[in-house]
Amino acid sequence: MTQYLLSVHHRADDPVPAEDEMPAMFAAVDRFNSQLQERGQWVFAGGLVDRGEAKVVDATGDSPAVTDGPFSEAREWLGGFWVVEAADLDAAVAIATEGSAACSGPVEVRAFQAE
């Protein structure tokens, strides 16, 4: 089995779900997570706090620098992710399709490099 990163992306122009829609979305993601676990495909998953709470650490110079905010001021950002195990890319895409429906957002699929 290969491990894949399924990353949930948000765009600046995405509509923000209404407050009363959030519980249903969280419940759908919880059901999806449970299904992954039951099928033995779950490795790890997590949602991320707002990108405004990020810190960027750069230790490539003479002394480390820590700055506030996201690494990039891009119009798209990572909001959460799953690490799953799948037989191949097609199976990982099928899993991502379920995840995208559950979280109501696009999901990128990338395999981890082979060791």
N, C-alpha and C. Protein backbone atom coordinates (compact mmCIF):
# COMPACT_ATOMS: atom_id res chain seq x y z
N MET A 1 0.85 -1.19 0.00
CA MET A 1 0.00 0.00 0.00
C MET A 1 0.88 1.24 0.00
N THR A 2 0.44 2.23 -0.71
CA THR A 2 1.13 3.52 -0.76
C THR A 2 0.36 4.51 0.10
N GLN A 3 1.09 5.40 0.75
CA GLN A 3 0.44 6.46 1.51
C GLN A 3 0.30 7.69 0.63
N TYR A 4 -0.86 8.34 0.76
CA TYR A 4 -1.17 9.53 -0.02
C TYR A 4 -1.57 10.66 0.92
N LEU A 5 -1.19 11.88 0.56
CA LEU A 5 -1.65 13.08 1.25
C LEU A 5 -2.84 13.62 0.47
N LEU A 6 -3.97 13.71 1.14
CA LEU A 6 -5.16 14.33 0.56
C LEU A 6 -5.31 15.68 1.25
N SER A 7 -5.02 16.74 0.55
CA SER A 7 -5.03 18.06 1.17
C SER A 7 -6.24 18.87 0.72
N VAL A 8 -6.86 19.49 1.70
CA VAL A 8 -8.08 20.28 1.48
C VAL A 8 -7.66 21.73 1.29
N HIS A 9 -8.01 22.30 0.17
CA HIS A 9 -7.61 23.67 -0.14
C HIS A 9 -8.80 24.63 -0.08
N HIS A 10 -8.52 25.83 0.35
CA HIS A 10 -9.51 26.89 0.39
C HIS A 10 -9.04 28.02 -0.52
N ARG A 11 -10.00 28.71 -1.11
CA ARG A 11 -9.69 29.85 -1.99
C ARG A 11 -10.31 31.11 -1.40
N ALA A 12 -9.67 32.22 -1.64
CA ALA A 12 -10.13 33.49 -1.08
C ALA A 12 -11.56 33.82 -1.49
N ASP A 13 -11.98 33.39 -2.67
CA ASP A 13 -13.32 33.73 -3.14
C ASP A 13 -14.35 32.62 -2.85
N ASP A 14 -13.95 31.59 -2.08
CA ASP A 14 -14.91 30.56 -1.69
C ASP A 14 -15.95 31.16 -0.75
N PRO A 15 -17.20 30.80 -0.93
CA PRO A 15 -18.21 31.29 0.03
C PRO A 15 -17.98 30.64 1.39
N VAL A 16 -18.15 31.40 2.43
CA VAL A 16 -18.03 30.88 3.79
C VAL A 16 -19.35 30.23 4.16
N PRO A 17 -19.30 28.97 4.60
CA PRO A 17 -20.57 28.32 4.97
C PRO A 17 -21.27 29.07 6.10
N ALA A 18 -22.57 29.07 6.05
CA ALA A 18 -23.35 29.69 7.11
C ALA A 18 -23.12 28.94 8.41
N GLU A 19 -23.25 29.64 9.51
CA GLU A 19 -23.03 29.05 10.84
C GLU A 19 -23.87 27.79 11.05
N ASP A 20 -25.11 27.81 10.57
CA ASP A 20 -25.99 26.65 10.77
C ASP A 20 -25.66 25.48 9.83
N GLU A 21 -24.80 25.69 8.82
CA GLU A 21 -24.38 24.62 7.92
C GLU A 21 -23.16 23.86 8.45
N MET A 22 -22.42 24.48 9.36
CA MET A 22 -21.16 23.89 9.84
C MET A 22 -21.36 22.55 10.55
N PRO A 23 -22.34 22.38 11.43
CA PRO A 23 -22.49 21.08 12.10
C PRO A 23 -22.69 19.92 11.13
N ALA A 24 -23.45 20.14 10.07
CA ALA A 24 -23.67 19.08 9.08
C ALA A 24 -22.37 18.74 8.35
N MET A 25 -21.56 19.76 8.03
CA MET A 25 -20.29 19.53 7.35
C MET A 25 -19.34 18.76 8.27
N PHE A 26 -19.25 19.16 9.53
CA PHE A 26 -18.39 18.46 10.48
C PHE A 26 -18.85 17.02 10.66
N ALA A 27 -20.15 16.80 10.70
CA ALA A 27 -20.68 15.43 10.84
C ALA A 27 -20.34 14.59 9.61
N ALA A 28 -20.41 15.18 8.42
CA ALA A 28 -20.06 14.45 7.20
C ALA A 28 -18.58 14.06 7.21
N VAL A 29 -17.73 14.96 7.64
CA VAL A 29 -16.30 14.66 7.72
C VAL A 29 -16.05 13.58 8.78
N ASP A 30 -16.74 13.65 9.91
CA ASP A 30 -16.59 12.61 10.94
C ASP A 30 -17.01 11.24 10.41
N ARG A 31 -18.11 11.19 9.64
CA ARG A 31 -18.55 9.92 9.04
C ARG A 31 -17.50 9.40 8.07
N PHE A 32 -16.96 10.30 7.24
CA PHE A 32 -15.92 9.91 6.29
C PHE A 32 -14.70 9.38 7.03
N ASN A 33 -14.27 10.07 8.09
CA ASN A 33 -13.12 9.61 8.88
C ASN A 33 -13.38 8.22 9.45
N SER A 34 -14.58 7.98 9.96
CA SER A 34 -14.93 6.67 10.52
C SER A 34 -14.88 5.59 9.44
N GLN A 35 -15.37 5.92 8.25
CA GLN A 35 -15.34 4.95 7.15
C GLN A 35 -13.90 4.60 6.76
N LEU A 36 -13.03 5.62 6.72
CA LEU A 36 -11.62 5.36 6.42
C LEU A 36 -11.02 4.41 7.45
N GLN A 37 -11.33 4.65 8.72
CA GLN A 37 -10.80 3.80 9.78
C GLN A 37 -11.33 2.38 9.66
N GLU A 38 -12.63 2.23 9.40
CA GLU A 38 -13.23 0.91 9.26
C GLU A 38 -12.63 0.14 8.09
N ARG A 39 -12.28 0.84 7.01
CA ARG A 39 -11.73 0.19 5.82
C ARG A 39 -10.22 -0.02 5.92
N GLY A 40 -9.60 0.45 7.00
CA GLY A 40 -8.16 0.30 7.17
C GLY A 40 -7.34 1.22 6.29
N GLN A 41 -7.92 2.32 5.83
CA GLN A 41 -7.21 3.26 4.96
C GLN A 41 -6.70 4.48 5.72
N TRP A 42 -7.17 4.68 6.92
CA TRP A 42 -6.82 5.84 7.75
C TRP A 42 -5.39 5.72 8.25
N VAL A 43 -4.61 6.78 8.13
CA VAL A 43 -3.31 6.89 8.78
C VAL A 43 -3.36 8.04 9.78
N PHE A 44 -3.76 9.23 9.29
CA PHE A 44 -3.82 10.41 10.14
C PHE A 44 -4.61 11.48 9.40
N ALA A 45 -5.22 12.39 10.14
CA ALA A 45 -5.92 13.52 9.53
C ALA A 45 -5.97 14.67 10.51
N GLY A 46 -6.18 15.86 9.99
CA GLY A 46 -6.33 17.01 10.86
C GLY A 46 -6.76 18.24 10.10
N GLY A 47 -7.51 19.08 10.80
CA GLY A 47 -7.87 20.39 10.28
C GLY A 47 -6.89 21.41 10.86
N LEU A 48 -6.65 22.46 10.15
CA LEU A 48 -5.69 23.47 10.59
C LEU A 48 -6.40 24.74 11.06
N VAL A 49 -5.81 25.41 12.04
CA VAL A 49 -6.35 26.69 12.49
C VAL A 49 -6.20 27.71 11.37
N ASP A 50 -6.84 28.84 11.52
CA ASP A 50 -6.78 29.90 10.52
C ASP A 50 -5.33 30.23 10.17
N ARG A 51 -5.07 30.46 8.90
CA ARG A 51 -3.71 30.74 8.43
C ARG A 51 -3.12 31.99 9.06
N GLY A 52 -3.96 32.88 9.56
CA GLY A 52 -3.47 34.07 10.24
C GLY A 52 -2.75 33.76 11.55
N GLU A 53 -2.94 32.56 12.07
CA GLU A 53 -2.28 32.14 13.31
C GLU A 53 -0.95 31.43 13.04
N ALA A 54 -0.55 31.32 11.78
CA ALA A 54 0.67 30.60 11.42
C ALA A 54 1.92 31.39 11.82
N LYS A 55 3.00 30.66 12.00
CA LYS A 55 4.34 31.21 12.20
C LYS A 55 5.22 30.60 11.12
N VAL A 56 6.14 31.38 10.61
CA VAL A 56 7.11 30.89 9.63
C VAL A 56 8.49 30.95 10.28
N VAL A 57 9.18 29.82 10.27
CA VAL A 57 10.51 29.73 10.85
C VAL A 57 11.51 29.54 9.71
N ASP A 58 12.53 30.39 9.66
CA ASP A 58 13.58 30.30 8.64
C ASP A 58 14.93 30.24 9.35
N ALA A 59 15.51 29.06 9.36
CA ALA A 59 16.80 28.87 10.01
C ALA A 59 17.89 28.65 8.97
N THR A 60 17.73 29.23 7.79
CA THR A 60 18.73 29.05 6.73
C THR A 60 19.85 30.07 6.78
N GLY A 61 19.69 31.11 7.59
CA GLY A 61 20.71 32.15 7.69
C GLY A 61 21.57 31.97 8.93
N ASP A 62 22.23 33.06 9.32
CA ASP A 62 23.10 33.02 10.50
C ASP A 62 22.33 32.79 11.79
N SER A 63 21.13 33.33 11.88
CA SER A 63 20.30 33.10 13.06
C SER A 63 18.86 32.88 12.60
N PRO A 64 18.13 32.05 13.34
CA PRO A 64 16.76 31.76 12.92
C PRO A 64 15.86 33.00 13.00
N ALA A 65 14.95 33.09 12.06
CA ALA A 65 13.97 34.18 12.05
C ALA A 65 12.58 33.57 12.14
N VAL A 66 11.75 34.13 13.00
CA VAL A 66 10.37 33.68 13.14
C VAL A 66 9.47 34.87 12.83
N THR A 67 8.57 34.67 11.86
CA THR A 67 7.66 35.75 11.47
C THR A 67 6.22 35.28 11.64
N ASP A 68 5.32 36.24 11.82
CA ASP A 68 3.89 35.95 11.96
C ASP A 68 3.24 35.81 10.60
N GLY A 69 2.21 35.02 10.56
CA GLY A 69 1.39 34.92 9.36
C GLY A 69 1.78 33.76 8.48
N PRO A 70 1.02 33.55 7.42
CA PRO A 70 1.29 32.42 6.53
C PRO A 70 2.57 32.62 5.74
N PHE A 71 3.13 31.52 5.27
CA PHE A 71 4.35 31.56 4.46
C PHE A 71 4.11 32.34 3.18
N SER A 72 2.94 32.15 2.60
CA SER A 72 2.61 32.77 1.33
C SER A 72 1.35 33.60 1.47
N GLU A 73 1.30 34.70 0.78
CA GLU A 73 0.09 35.52 0.75
C GLU A 73 -0.80 35.12 -0.42
N ALA A 74 -0.77 33.83 -0.74
CA ALA A 74 -1.52 33.31 -1.88
C ALA A 74 -3.02 33.43 -1.66
N ARG A 75 -3.76 33.34 -2.76
CA ARG A 75 -5.22 33.37 -2.71
C ARG A 75 -5.80 31.99 -2.38
N GLU A 76 -4.93 30.99 -2.28
CA GLU A 76 -5.35 29.64 -1.91
C GLU A 76 -4.47 29.18 -0.75
N TRP A 77 -5.06 28.34 0.13
CA TRP A 77 -4.27 27.86 1.27
C TRP A 77 -4.77 26.50 1.72
N LEU A 78 -3.93 25.82 2.47
CA LEU A 78 -4.25 24.51 3.01
C LEU A 78 -5.08 24.66 4.27
N GLY A 79 -6.22 23.96 4.31
CA GLY A 79 -7.09 24.06 5.47
C GLY A 79 -7.10 22.81 6.33
N GLY A 80 -6.69 21.69 5.75
CA GLY A 80 -6.66 20.43 6.48
C GLY A 80 -6.18 19.34 5.55
N PHE A 81 -6.08 18.13 6.10
CA PHE A 81 -5.53 17.04 5.29
C PHE A 81 -5.89 15.68 5.89
N TRP A 82 -5.74 14.68 5.04
CA TRP A 82 -5.78 13.28 5.46
C TRP A 82 -4.51 12.63 4.92
N VAL A 83 -3.97 11.69 5.66
CA VAL A 83 -2.96 10.77 5.15
C VAL A 83 -3.65 9.41 5.13
N VAL A 84 -3.72 8.82 3.94
CA VAL A 84 -4.44 7.56 3.78
C VAL A 84 -3.54 6.54 3.10
N GLU A 85 -3.93 5.28 3.21
CA GLU A 85 -3.26 4.22 2.47
C GLU A 85 -4.20 3.73 1.38
N ALA A 86 -3.65 3.58 0.18
CA ALA A 86 -4.45 3.13 -0.96
C ALA A 86 -3.59 2.25 -1.85
N ALA A 87 -4.23 1.36 -2.57
CA ALA A 87 -3.52 0.42 -3.44
C ALA A 87 -2.81 1.13 -4.59
N ASP A 88 -3.41 2.19 -5.10
CA ASP A 88 -2.82 2.91 -6.23
C ASP A 88 -3.46 4.30 -6.32
N LEU A 89 -3.01 5.07 -7.30
CA LEU A 89 -3.50 6.44 -7.46
C LEU A 89 -5.01 6.48 -7.72
N ASP A 90 -5.52 5.56 -8.52
CA ASP A 90 -6.96 5.55 -8.78
C ASP A 90 -7.75 5.34 -7.50
N ALA A 91 -7.29 4.46 -6.63
CA ALA A 91 -7.96 4.23 -5.35
C ALA A 91 -7.87 5.47 -4.47
N ALA A 92 -6.72 6.15 -4.49
CA ALA A 92 -6.56 7.38 -3.70
C ALA A 92 -7.48 8.48 -4.22
N VAL A 93 -7.64 8.58 -5.53
CA VAL A 93 -8.56 9.57 -6.11
C VAL A 93 -10.00 9.26 -5.70
N ALA A 94 -10.35 7.98 -5.66
CA ALA A 94 -11.70 7.61 -5.22
C ALA A 94 -11.93 8.02 -3.76
N ILE A 95 -10.92 7.83 -2.92
CA ILE A 95 -11.02 8.25 -1.52
C ILE A 95 -11.14 9.77 -1.45
N ALA A 96 -10.34 10.47 -2.22
CA ALA A 96 -10.38 11.94 -2.23
C ALA A 96 -11.74 12.46 -2.69
N THR A 97 -12.37 11.75 -3.60
CA THR A 97 -13.71 12.14 -4.07
C THR A 97 -14.69 12.11 -2.90
N GLU A 98 -14.61 11.07 -2.08
CA GLU A 98 -15.47 11.01 -0.89
C GLU A 98 -15.14 12.13 0.09
N GLY A 99 -13.84 12.39 0.27
CA GLY A 99 -13.42 13.45 1.18
C GLY A 99 -13.86 14.82 0.71
N SER A 100 -13.77 15.06 -0.58
CA SER A 100 -14.19 16.34 -1.14
C SER A 100 -15.67 16.57 -0.92
N ALA A 101 -16.46 15.52 -1.12
CA ALA A 101 -17.90 15.64 -0.88
C ALA A 101 -18.18 15.91 0.59
N ALA A 102 -17.44 15.24 1.48
CA ALA A 102 -17.67 15.40 2.92
C ALA A 102 -17.33 16.79 3.41
N CYS A 103 -16.21 17.35 2.92
CA CYS A 103 -15.77 18.65 3.44
C CYS A 103 -16.21 19.82 2.56
N SER A 104 -16.90 19.52 1.48
CA SER A 104 -17.41 20.55 0.56
C SER A 104 -16.30 21.44 0.01
N GLY A 105 -15.19 20.82 -0.38
CA GLY A 105 -14.09 21.59 -0.95
C GLY A 105 -13.20 20.72 -1.80
N PRO A 106 -12.34 21.34 -2.60
CA PRO A 106 -11.43 20.57 -3.45
C PRO A 106 -10.35 19.88 -2.61
N VAL A 107 -9.93 18.70 -3.07
CA VAL A 107 -8.92 17.91 -2.37
C VAL A 107 -7.83 17.52 -3.37
N GLU A 108 -6.60 17.86 -3.06
CA GLU A 108 -5.45 17.48 -3.89
C GLU A 108 -4.93 16.12 -3.42
N VAL A 109 -4.52 15.27 -4.36
CA VAL A 109 -4.00 13.94 -4.06
C VAL A 109 -2.53 13.88 -4.47
N ARG A 110 -1.67 13.52 -3.50
CA ARG A 110 -0.25 13.37 -3.80
C ARG A 110 0.30 12.18 -3.02
N ALA A 111 1.05 11.33 -3.72
CA ALA A 111 1.69 10.19 -3.06
C ALA A 111 2.93 10.66 -2.32
N PHE A 112 3.21 9.98 -1.21
CA PHE A 112 4.47 10.22 -0.53
C PHE A 112 5.58 9.55 -1.34
N GLN A 113 6.78 10.12 -1.31
CA GLN A 113 7.90 9.53 -2.01
C GLN A 113 8.20 8.16 -1.43
N ALA A 114 8.57 7.23 -2.30
CA ALA A 114 8.96 5.90 -1.84
C ALA A 114 10.28 6.02 -1.08
N GLU A 115 10.40 5.19 -0.07
CA GLU A 115 11.62 5.25 0.76
C GLU A 115 12.79 4.68 0.05
